[in-house]
Amino acid sequence: MEQLICGIDEAGRGPLAGPVTAAAVVLPEDFPFDILDDSKKLSEKKRIEIEKIIRQKALCFAVCRVEHTTIDSINILQASLLAMKNAFLSMNLPAGESINSIIKEVIIDGTFIPDFGIPGLSCTALPKADSLVPSVMAASILAKNERDRIMCSYAEIYPEYGYEKHKGYPTASHRAVCKKIGPSPIQRRTFRY
């Protein structure tokens, strides 16, 4: 099997509530790359359509989350790196294949590289990779969609916080409700709200 690039990205570093999610994706050479873009540039409807194709056609992928309590205990950077590491190590590899037999290089969106604990693994941190590298674009879409779904499920449990609208990001309405009725149970206590 020809070695390919694994793209990794996270979603949810900036919110005041909820988890951070990360995805790792390896795309085959015959993937329809022209459908991909940075998740922030795509509508929700388009992201969901593309996610279905990624999940069907990716050689392997995984999506993981790290909860708000862990974010508070180890900080958001370390929690993001942990989510990325967990996603990478959780990928559903094809039968009989190993990470080293499939992956030529890991490209991570940003400036930090998780410690994957795999000697000789080639890793690159690349700012804006989610708009430059197809497998990172795919990871960006999976991570964002997963986090949005999680926050919408929290919106049903804590409807007064409006998580379905702002997904926990520091909007004026989110800050206002926290000041008015106090933080929700999924609030990141080390973040200012």
C-alpha atoms as a PDB file:
ATOM      1  CA  MET A   1       0.000   0.000   0.000  1.00  0.00           C
ATOM      2  CA  GLU A   2       1.297   3.465  -0.877  1.00  0.00           C
ATOM      3  CA  GLN A   3       1.971   5.663   2.121  1.00  0.00           C
ATOM      4  CA  LEU A   4      -0.348   8.636   2.535  1.00  0.00           C
ATOM      5  CA  ILE A   5      -0.770  11.805   4.599  1.00  0.00           C
ATOM      6  CA  CYS A   6      -2.772  11.780   7.815  1.00  0.00           C
ATOM      7  CA  GLY A   7      -4.421  15.108   8.575  1.00  0.00           C
ATOM      8  CA  ILE A   8      -5.333  16.146  12.109  1.00  0.00           C
ATOM      9  CA  ASP A   9      -7.363  19.119  13.329  1.00  0.00           C
ATOM     10  CA  GLU A  10      -9.356  20.142  16.392  1.00  0.00           C
ATOM     11  CA  ALA A  11     -12.526  22.111  17.037  1.00  0.00           C
ATOM     12  CA  GLY A  12     -13.487  24.003  20.160  1.00  0.00           C
ATOM     13  CA  ARG A  13     -10.393  25.658  21.582  1.00  0.00           C
ATOM     14  CA  GLY A  14     -12.117  29.024  22.010  1.00  0.00           C
ATOM     15  CA  PRO A  15     -15.499  28.204  23.586  1.00  0.00           C
ATOM     16  CA  LEU A  16     -16.358  28.844  27.223  1.00  0.00           C
ATOM     17  CA  ALA A  17     -18.197  25.524  27.570  1.00  0.00           C
ATOM     18  CA  GLY A  18     -18.165  21.935  26.383  1.00  0.00           C
ATOM     19  CA  PRO A  19     -15.439  19.639  25.091  1.00  0.00           C
ATOM     20  CA  VAL A  20     -12.702  20.061  22.541  1.00  0.00           C
ATOM     21  CA  THR A  21     -12.879  17.550  19.691  1.00  0.00           C
ATOM     22  CA  ALA A  22     -10.236  16.365  17.234  1.00  0.00           C
ATOM     23  CA  ALA A  23     -10.202  14.198  14.145  1.00  0.00           C
ATOM     24  CA  ALA A  24      -7.512  12.291  12.275  1.00  0.00           C
ATOM     25  CA  VAL A  25      -8.148  11.344   8.636  1.00  0.00           C
ATOM     26  CA  VAL A  26      -6.260   9.472   5.912  1.00  0.00           C
ATOM     27  CA  LEU A  27      -7.778   9.951   2.473  1.00  0.00           C
ATOM     28  CA  PRO A  28      -7.158   7.603  -0.477  1.00  0.00           C
ATOM     29  CA  GLU A  29      -5.711   8.925  -3.719  1.00  0.00           C
ATOM     30  CA  ASP A  30      -9.063   8.581  -5.505  1.00  0.00           C
ATOM     31  CA  PHE A  31     -10.971  10.741  -2.992  1.00  0.00           C
ATOM     32  CA  PRO A  32     -13.022  13.595  -4.578  1.00  0.00           C
ATOM     33  CA  PHE A  33     -10.721  16.288  -3.164  1.00  0.00           C
ATOM     34  CA  ASP A  34     -12.552  19.166  -4.878  1.00  0.00           C
ATOM     35  CA  ILE A  35     -15.444  18.903  -2.374  1.00  0.00           C
ATOM     36  CA  LEU A  36     -13.154  19.805   0.559  1.00  0.00           C
ATOM     37  CA  ASP A  37     -12.542  23.190   2.163  1.00  0.00           C
ATOM     38  CA  ASP A  38     -11.793  24.652   5.581  1.00  0.00           C
ATOM     39  CA  SER A  39     -14.793  23.775   7.777  1.00  0.00           C
ATOM     40  CA  LYS A  40     -15.151  27.439   8.777  1.00  0.00           C
ATOM     41  CA  LYS A  41     -15.840  28.357   5.136  1.00  0.00           C
ATOM     42  CA  LEU A  42     -18.615  25.782   4.665  1.00  0.00           C
ATOM     43  CA  SER A  43     -22.264  25.990   5.628  1.00  0.00           C
ATOM     44  CA  GLU A  44     -23.545  23.489   8.178  1.00  0.00           C
ATOM     45  CA  LYS A  45     -25.566  21.732   5.471  1.00  0.00           C
ATOM     46  CA  LYS A  46     -22.512  21.422   3.206  1.00  0.00           C
ATOM     47  CA  ARG A  47     -20.297  20.180   6.052  1.00  0.00           C
ATOM     48  CA  ILE A  48     -22.799  17.427   6.846  1.00  0.00           C
ATOM     49  CA  GLU A  49     -22.980  16.365   3.176  1.00  0.00           C
ATOM     50  CA  ILE A  50     -19.184  16.246   2.921  1.00  0.00           C
ATOM     51  CA  GLU A  51     -18.865  14.403   6.243  1.00  0.00           C
ATOM     52  CA  LYS A  52     -20.925  11.518   4.857  1.00  0.00           C
ATOM     53  CA  ILE A  53     -18.529  11.204   1.907  1.00  0.00           C
ATOM     54  CA  ILE A  54     -15.457  11.402   4.155  1.00  0.00           C
ATOM     55  CA  ARG A  55     -16.823   8.661   6.414  1.00  0.00           C
ATOM     56  CA  GLN A  56     -17.625   6.453   3.388  1.00  0.00           C
ATOM     57  CA  LYS A  57     -14.418   6.960   1.402  1.00  0.00           C
ATOM     58  CA  ALA A  58     -11.631   7.698   3.905  1.00  0.00           C
ATOM     59  CA  LEU A  59      -9.021   4.976   4.210  1.00  0.00           C
ATOM     60  CA  CYS A  60      -9.199   5.442   7.971  1.00  0.00           C
ATOM     61  CA  PHE A  61     -10.308   8.083  10.462  1.00  0.00           C
ATOM     62  CA  ALA A  62     -11.302   8.702  14.075  1.00  0.00           C
ATOM     63  CA  VAL A  63     -12.898  11.513  16.064  1.00  0.00           C
ATOM     64  CA  CYS A  64     -12.256  11.973  19.798  1.00  0.00           C
ATOM     65  CA  ARG A  65     -13.243  14.445  22.479  1.00  0.00           C
ATOM     66  CA  VAL A  66     -11.741  15.718  25.705  1.00  0.00           C
ATOM     67  CA  GLU A  67     -14.228  16.979  28.283  1.00  0.00           C
ATOM     68  CA  HIS A  68     -14.432  20.404  29.902  1.00  0.00           C
ATOM     69  CA  THR A  69     -13.245  18.993  33.252  1.00  0.00           C
ATOM     70  CA  THR A  70      -9.997  17.795  31.664  1.00  0.00           C
ATOM     71  CA  ILE A  71      -9.604  21.133  29.877  1.00  0.00           C
ATOM     72  CA  ASP A  72      -9.820  22.834  33.283  1.00  0.00           C
ATOM     73  CA  SER A  73      -7.286  20.466  34.839  1.00  0.00           C
ATOM     74  CA  ILE A  74      -4.591  20.421  32.117  1.00  0.00           C
ATOM     75  CA  ASN A  75      -5.400  23.611  30.064  1.00  0.00           C
ATOM     76  CA  ILE A  76      -6.904  23.948  26.601  1.00  0.00           C
ATOM     77  CA  LEU A  77      -3.655  23.513  24.661  1.00  0.00           C
ATOM     78  CA  GLN A  78      -2.803  20.236  26.402  1.00  0.00           C
ATOM     79  CA  ALA A  79      -6.424  19.067  26.080  1.00  0.00           C
ATOM     80  CA  SER A  80      -6.380  19.826  22.339  1.00  0.00           C
ATOM     81  CA  LEU A  81      -3.127  17.902  21.897  1.00  0.00           C
ATOM     82  CA  LEU A  82      -4.577  15.000  23.902  1.00  0.00           C
ATOM     83  CA  ALA A  83      -7.711  14.928  21.703  1.00  0.00           C
ATOM     84  CA  MET A  84      -5.489  14.918  18.590  1.00  0.00           C
ATOM     85  CA  LYS A  85      -3.304  12.122  19.954  1.00  0.00           C
ATOM     86  CA  ASN A  86      -6.349  10.044  20.913  1.00  0.00           C
ATOM     87  CA  ALA A  87      -7.923  10.522  17.481  1.00  0.00           C
ATOM     88  CA  PHE A  88      -4.719   9.521  15.717  1.00  0.00           C
ATOM     89  CA  LEU A  89      -4.186   6.424  17.846  1.00  0.00           C
ATOM     90  CA  SER A  90      -7.876   5.426  17.526  1.00  0.00           C
ATOM     91  CA  MET A  91      -8.011   5.344  13.725  1.00  0.00           C
ATOM     92  CA  ASN A  92      -9.698   2.261  12.244  1.00  0.00           C
ATOM     93  CA  LEU A  93      -6.740   0.982  10.211  1.00  0.00           C
ATOM     94  CA  PRO A  94      -7.381  -1.470   7.375  1.00  0.00           C
ATOM     95  CA  ALA A  95      -6.899  -5.108   8.380  1.00  0.00           C
ATOM     96  CA  GLY A  96      -3.268  -6.157   8.578  1.00  0.00           C
ATOM     97  CA  GLU A  97      -1.937  -2.592   8.279  1.00  0.00           C
ATOM     98  CA  SER A  98       0.031  -0.558  10.796  1.00  0.00           C
ATOM     99  CA  ILE A  99       0.387   3.201  11.161  1.00  0.00           C
ATOM    100  CA  ASN A 100       3.921   3.047   9.760  1.00  0.00           C
ATOM    101  CA  SER A 101       2.814   1.028   6.715  1.00  0.00           C
ATOM    102  CA  ILE A 102       0.043   3.495   5.796  1.00  0.00           C
ATOM    103  CA  ILE A 103       1.228   6.938   6.888  1.00  0.00           C
ATOM    104  CA  LYS A 104       4.057   8.804   5.213  1.00  0.00           C
ATOM    105  CA  GLU A 105       3.524  11.999   7.203  1.00  0.00           C
ATOM    106  CA  VAL A 106       1.177  13.474   9.785  1.00  0.00           C
ATOM    107  CA  ILE A 107       0.187  17.097   9.234  1.00  0.00           C
ATOM    108  CA  ILE A 108      -1.397  18.926  12.147  1.00  0.00           C
ATOM    109  CA  ASP A 109      -3.218  22.223  11.812  1.00  0.00           C
ATOM    110  CA  GLY A 110      -1.475  24.749  14.049  1.00  0.00           C
ATOM    111  CA  THR A 111       1.914  25.180  15.659  1.00  0.00           C
ATOM    112  CA  PHE A 112       2.128  22.272  18.122  1.00  0.00           C
ATOM    113  CA  ILE A 113       2.628  18.537  17.603  1.00  0.00           C
ATOM    114  CA  PRO A 114       1.212  15.961  20.040  1.00  0.00           C
ATOM    115  CA  ASP A 115       3.572  13.301  21.357  1.00  0.00           C
ATOM    116  CA  PHE A 116       2.213  10.231  19.589  1.00  0.00           C
ATOM    117  CA  GLY A 117       4.833   7.962  21.123  1.00  0.00           C
ATOM    118  CA  ILE A 118       5.722   6.404  17.762  1.00  0.00           C
ATOM    119  CA  PRO A 119       9.455   6.520  16.952  1.00  0.00           C
ATOM    120  CA  GLY A 120      10.296   7.701  13.459  1.00  0.00           C
ATOM    121  CA  LEU A 121       6.812   9.090  12.713  1.00  0.00           C
ATOM    122  CA  SER A 122       7.172  12.145  10.477  1.00  0.00           C
ATOM    123  CA  CYS A 123       5.024  15.012  11.831  1.00  0.00           C
ATOM    124  CA  THR A 124       4.600  18.604  10.708  1.00  0.00           C
ATOM    125  CA  ALA A 125       2.694  21.406  12.422  1.00  0.00           C
ATOM    126  CA  LEU A 126       1.365  23.740   9.744  1.00  0.00           C
ATOM    127  CA  PRO A 127      -0.660  26.868  10.515  1.00  0.00           C
ATOM    128  CA  LYS A 128      -3.706  27.173   8.213  1.00  0.00           C
ATOM    129  CA  ALA A 129      -3.356  23.515   7.172  1.00  0.00           C
ATOM    130  CA  ASP A 130      -7.148  23.293   7.392  1.00  0.00           C
ATOM    131  CA  SER A 131      -7.328  25.427   4.257  1.00  0.00           C
ATOM    132  CA  LEU A 132      -4.248  23.969   2.507  1.00  0.00           C
ATOM    133  CA  VAL A 133      -4.064  20.185   3.041  1.00  0.00           C
ATOM    134  CA  PRO A 134      -7.017  17.994   1.957  1.00  0.00           C
ATOM    135  CA  SER A 135      -6.738  15.432   4.763  1.00  0.00           C
ATOM    136  CA  VAL A 136      -6.577  18.245   7.332  1.00  0.00           C
ATOM    137  CA  MET A 137      -9.629  19.871   5.711  1.00  0.00           C
ATOM    138  CA  ALA A 138     -11.444  16.554   6.131  1.00  0.00           C
ATOM    139  CA  ALA A 139     -10.342  16.317   9.777  1.00  0.00           C
ATOM    140  CA  SER A 140     -11.523  19.883  10.324  1.00  0.00           C
ATOM    141  CA  ILE A 141     -14.990  18.992   9.007  1.00  0.00           C
ATOM    142  CA  LEU A 142     -15.312  15.846  11.131  1.00  0.00           C
ATOM    143  CA  ALA A 143     -14.126  17.585  14.313  1.00  0.00           C
ATOM    144  CA  LYS A 144     -16.418  20.599  13.847  1.00  0.00           C
ATOM    145  CA  ASN A 145     -19.503  18.535  13.026  1.00  0.00           C
ATOM    146  CA  GLU A 146     -18.939  16.259  16.012  1.00  0.00           C
ATOM    147  CA  ARG A 147     -18.528  19.165  18.399  1.00  0.00           C
ATOM    148  CA  ASP A 148     -21.608  20.923  17.018  1.00  0.00           C
ATOM    149  CA  ARG A 149     -23.663  17.743  17.567  1.00  0.00           C
ATOM    150  CA  ILE A 150     -22.392  17.466  21.141  1.00  0.00           C
ATOM    151  CA  MET A 151     -23.286  21.082  21.888  1.00  0.00           C
ATOM    152  CA  CYS A 152     -26.755  20.675  20.370  1.00  0.00           C
ATOM    153  CA  SER A 153     -27.323  17.672  22.635  1.00  0.00           C
ATOM    154  CA  TYR A 154     -26.273  19.818  25.618  1.00  0.00           C
ATOM    155  CA  ALA A 155     -28.746  22.466  24.449  1.00  0.00           C
ATOM    156  CA  GLU A 156     -31.547  19.968  25.093  1.00  0.00           C
ATOM    157  CA  ILE A 157     -30.295  19.387  28.652  1.00  0.00           C
ATOM    158  CA  TYR A 158     -29.556  23.068  29.397  1.00  0.00           C
ATOM    159  CA  PRO A 159     -31.938  24.978  27.076  1.00  0.00           C
ATOM    160  CA  GLU A 160     -31.535  28.322  28.856  1.00  0.00           C
ATOM    161  CA  TYR A 161     -27.905  28.625  27.673  1.00  0.00           C
ATOM    162  CA  GLY A 162     -28.623  28.573  23.910  1.00  0.00           C
ATOM    163  CA  TYR A 163     -25.831  26.129  23.070  1.00  0.00           C
ATOM    164  CA  GLU A 164     -27.570  25.176  19.819  1.00  0.00           C
ATOM    165  CA  LYS A 165     -26.946  28.734  18.579  1.00  0.00           C
ATOM    166  CA  HIS A 166     -23.440  29.664  19.738  1.00  0.00           C
ATOM    167  CA  LYS A 167     -22.024  26.163  20.494  1.00  0.00           C
ATOM    168  CA  GLY A 168     -20.436  27.496  23.676  1.00  0.00           C
ATOM    169  CA  TYR A 169     -18.394  30.262  22.016  1.00  0.00           C
ATOM    170  CA  PRO A 170     -18.034  33.546  23.935  1.00  0.00           C
ATOM    171  CA  THR A 171     -20.912  35.457  22.356  1.00  0.00           C
ATOM    172  CA  ALA A 172     -22.564  38.354  24.151  1.00  0.00           C
ATOM    173  CA  SER A 173     -25.684  36.242  24.780  1.00  0.00           C
ATOM    174  CA  HIS A 174     -23.648  33.359  26.208  1.00  0.00           C
ATOM    175  CA  ARG A 175     -21.725  35.645  28.551  1.00  0.00           C
ATOM    176  CA  ALA A 176     -24.944  37.395  29.590  1.00  0.00           C
ATOM    177  CA  VAL A 177     -26.775  34.192  30.555  1.00  0.00           C
ATOM    178  CA  CYS A 178     -23.759  32.988  32.555  1.00  0.00           C
ATOM    179  CA  LYS A 179     -23.691  36.287  34.466  1.00  0.00           C
ATOM    180  CA  LYS A 180     -27.454  36.204  34.993  1.00  0.00           C
ATOM    181  CA  ILE A 181     -28.017  32.601  36.140  1.00  0.00           C
ATOM    182  CA  GLY A 182     -24.477  31.343  36.667  1.00  0.00           C
ATOM    183  CA  PRO A 183     -22.328  28.877  34.746  1.00  0.00           C
ATOM    184  CA  SER A 184     -23.816  25.696  33.338  1.00  0.00           C
ATOM    185  CA  PRO A 185     -22.487  22.288  34.456  1.00  0.00           C
ATOM    186  CA  ILE A 186     -20.419  22.067  31.230  1.00  0.00           C
ATOM    187  CA  GLN A 187     -18.786  25.481  31.644  1.00  0.00           C
ATOM    188  CA  ARG A 188     -14.999  25.624  31.476  1.00  0.00           C
ATOM    189  CA  ARG A 189     -14.335  27.049  34.924  1.00  0.00           C
ATOM    190  CA  THR A 190     -10.819  28.275  34.044  1.00  0.00           C
ATOM    191  CA  PHE A 191     -12.184  30.436  31.187  1.00  0.00           C
ATOM    192  CA  ARG A 192     -13.541  33.924  31.862  1.00  0.00           C
ATOM    193  CA  TYR A 193     -17.214  34.335  31.094  1.00  0.00           C
END
